[in-house]
Amino acid sequence: EFSFQAITISTDLEKAHLEIESIPFIITCRDCGIDSRTEMGSRQCLKCNSLNTTVESGTELRVREIEMEDEQEENV
């Protein structure tokens, strides 16, 4: 959010709106096979405390849509 504000201030995009949809941070334990929803960056299994895990989701960054209006066209 901070970066978005920093690059749009004093530009034509200053009034732009940013929506962020958070994706849960989920890990899978290679030892017990359980999927766990943990805090971002925590790789410890909530069931068996193993650190032998893989990150399944939560690190994605995807722009889903950009919608713009041309103010010049609105004033015609």
C-alpha atoms as a PDB file:
ATOM      1  CA  GLU A   1       0.000   0.000   0.000  1.00  0.00           C
ATOM      2  CA  PHE A   2       2.803   2.395   0.869  1.00  0.00           C
ATOM      3  CA  SER A   3       4.540   1.769  -2.454  1.00  0.00           C
ATOM      4  CA  PHE A   4       1.314   2.363  -4.372  1.00  0.00           C
ATOM      5  CA  GLN A   5       0.809   5.710  -2.643  1.00  0.00           C
ATOM      6  CA  ALA A   6       4.441   6.673  -3.163  1.00  0.00           C
ATOM      7  CA  ILE A   7       4.350   6.133  -6.938  1.00  0.00           C
ATOM      8  CA  THR A   8       0.929   7.699  -7.558  1.00  0.00           C
ATOM      9  CA  ILE A   9       1.183  10.898  -5.502  1.00  0.00           C
ATOM     10  CA  SER A  10       1.322  14.061  -7.613  1.00  0.00           C
ATOM     11  CA  THR A  11       0.475  12.107 -10.770  1.00  0.00           C
ATOM     12  CA  ASP A  12      -2.657  11.588 -12.843  1.00  0.00           C
ATOM     13  CA  LEU A  13      -3.194   8.440 -10.765  1.00  0.00           C
ATOM     14  CA  GLU A  14      -3.286  10.278  -7.441  1.00  0.00           C
ATOM     15  CA  LYS A  15      -7.016   9.549  -7.003  1.00  0.00           C
ATOM     16  CA  ALA A  16      -6.585   5.872  -7.883  1.00  0.00           C
ATOM     17  CA  HIS A  17      -8.033   3.277  -5.520  1.00  0.00           C
ATOM     18  CA  LEU A  18      -6.148   0.144  -4.496  1.00  0.00           C
ATOM     19  CA  GLU A  19      -7.925  -3.018  -3.316  1.00  0.00           C
ATOM     20  CA  ILE A  20      -5.840  -5.749  -1.715  1.00  0.00           C
ATOM     21  CA  GLU A  21      -7.147  -9.270  -1.243  1.00  0.00           C
ATOM     22  CA  SER A  22      -4.997 -11.206   1.190  1.00  0.00           C
ATOM     23  CA  ILE A  23      -4.219 -14.829   0.421  1.00  0.00           C
ATOM     24  CA  PRO A  24      -3.731 -17.048   3.489  1.00  0.00           C
ATOM     25  CA  PHE A  25      -0.202 -18.289   4.224  1.00  0.00           C
ATOM     26  CA  ILE A  26      -0.535 -22.082   4.110  1.00  0.00           C
ATOM     27  CA  ILE A  27       2.186 -24.684   4.597  1.00  0.00           C
ATOM     28  CA  THR A  28       2.158 -28.458   4.113  1.00  0.00           C
ATOM     29  CA  CYS A  29       4.158 -30.621   6.495  1.00  0.00           C
ATOM     30  CA  ARG A  30       6.297 -33.228   4.745  1.00  0.00           C
ATOM     31  CA  ASP A  31       6.449 -35.310   7.932  1.00  0.00           C
ATOM     32  CA  CYS A  32       2.784 -35.576   8.987  1.00  0.00           C
ATOM     33  CA  GLY A  33       1.063 -34.356   5.782  1.00  0.00           C
ATOM     34  CA  ILE A  34      -1.089 -31.736   7.492  1.00  0.00           C
ATOM     35  CA  ASP A  35      -1.846 -28.363   5.865  1.00  0.00           C
ATOM     36  CA  SER A  36      -1.608 -25.465   8.315  1.00  0.00           C
ATOM     37  CA  ARG A  37      -2.637 -21.834   8.029  1.00  0.00           C
ATOM     38  CA  THR A  38       0.138 -19.980   9.842  1.00  0.00           C
ATOM     39  CA  GLU A  39       1.388 -16.442  10.234  1.00  0.00           C
ATOM     40  CA  MET A  40       3.239 -15.119   7.201  1.00  0.00           C
ATOM     41  CA  GLY A  41       6.731 -16.593   7.173  1.00  0.00           C
ATOM     42  CA  SER A  42       6.166 -19.195   9.903  1.00  0.00           C
ATOM     43  CA  ARG A  43       7.242 -22.556   8.481  1.00  0.00           C
ATOM     44  CA  GLN A  44       6.688 -24.682  11.617  1.00  0.00           C
ATOM     45  CA  CYS A  45       3.924 -27.317  11.444  1.00  0.00           C
ATOM     46  CA  LEU A  46       1.147 -26.575  13.915  1.00  0.00           C
ATOM     47  CA  LYS A  47       0.516 -30.298  14.555  1.00  0.00           C
ATOM     48  CA  CYS A  48       3.950 -31.933  14.924  1.00  0.00           C
ATOM     49  CA  ASN A  49       6.215 -28.833  15.156  1.00  0.00           C
ATOM     50  CA  SER A  50       8.352 -30.032  12.235  1.00  0.00           C
ATOM     51  CA  LEU A  51      10.192 -27.489  10.128  1.00  0.00           C
ATOM     52  CA  ASN A  52      10.163 -29.893   7.172  1.00  0.00           C
ATOM     53  CA  THR A  53       7.399 -27.989   5.362  1.00  0.00           C
ATOM     54  CA  THR A  54       6.618 -26.438   1.986  1.00  0.00           C
ATOM     55  CA  VAL A  55       4.797 -23.177   1.332  1.00  0.00           C
ATOM     56  CA  GLU A  56       1.573 -23.755  -0.598  1.00  0.00           C
ATOM     57  CA  SER A  57       0.163 -20.208  -0.741  1.00  0.00           C
ATOM     58  CA  GLY A  58       0.397 -16.731   0.674  1.00  0.00           C
ATOM     59  CA  THR A  59       3.389 -15.354  -1.197  1.00  0.00           C
ATOM     60  CA  GLU A  60       1.503 -14.538  -4.410  1.00  0.00           C
ATOM     61  CA  LEU A  61       1.197 -11.093  -5.885  1.00  0.00           C
ATOM     62  CA  ARG A  62      -1.178 -10.844  -8.782  1.00  0.00           C
ATOM     63  CA  VAL A  63      -2.752  -7.808 -10.419  1.00  0.00           C
ATOM     64  CA  ARG A  64      -6.241  -8.935 -11.238  1.00  0.00           C
ATOM     65  CA  GLU A  65      -7.704  -5.817 -12.776  1.00  0.00           C
ATOM     66  CA  ILE A  66      -6.834  -2.264 -13.712  1.00  0.00           C
ATOM     67  CA  GLU A  67      -9.726   0.041 -14.468  1.00  0.00           C
ATOM     68  CA  MET A  68      -9.133   3.580 -15.694  1.00  0.00           C
ATOM     69  CA  GLU A  69     -11.299   6.483 -16.748  1.00  0.00           C
ATOM     70  CA  ASP A  70     -10.111   9.164 -19.129  1.00  0.00           C
ATOM     71  CA  GLU A  71     -11.087  12.561 -17.680  1.00  0.00           C
ATOM     72  CA  GLN A  72     -10.769  14.191 -21.103  1.00  0.00           C
ATOM     73  CA  GLU A  73     -13.446  11.894 -22.528  1.00  0.00           C
ATOM     74  CA  GLU A  74     -15.771  12.702 -19.603  1.00  0.00           C
ATOM     75  CA  ASN A  75     -15.553  16.434 -20.325  1.00  0.00           C
ATOM     76  CA  VAL A  76     -16.540  16.105 -24.017  1.00  0.00           C
END
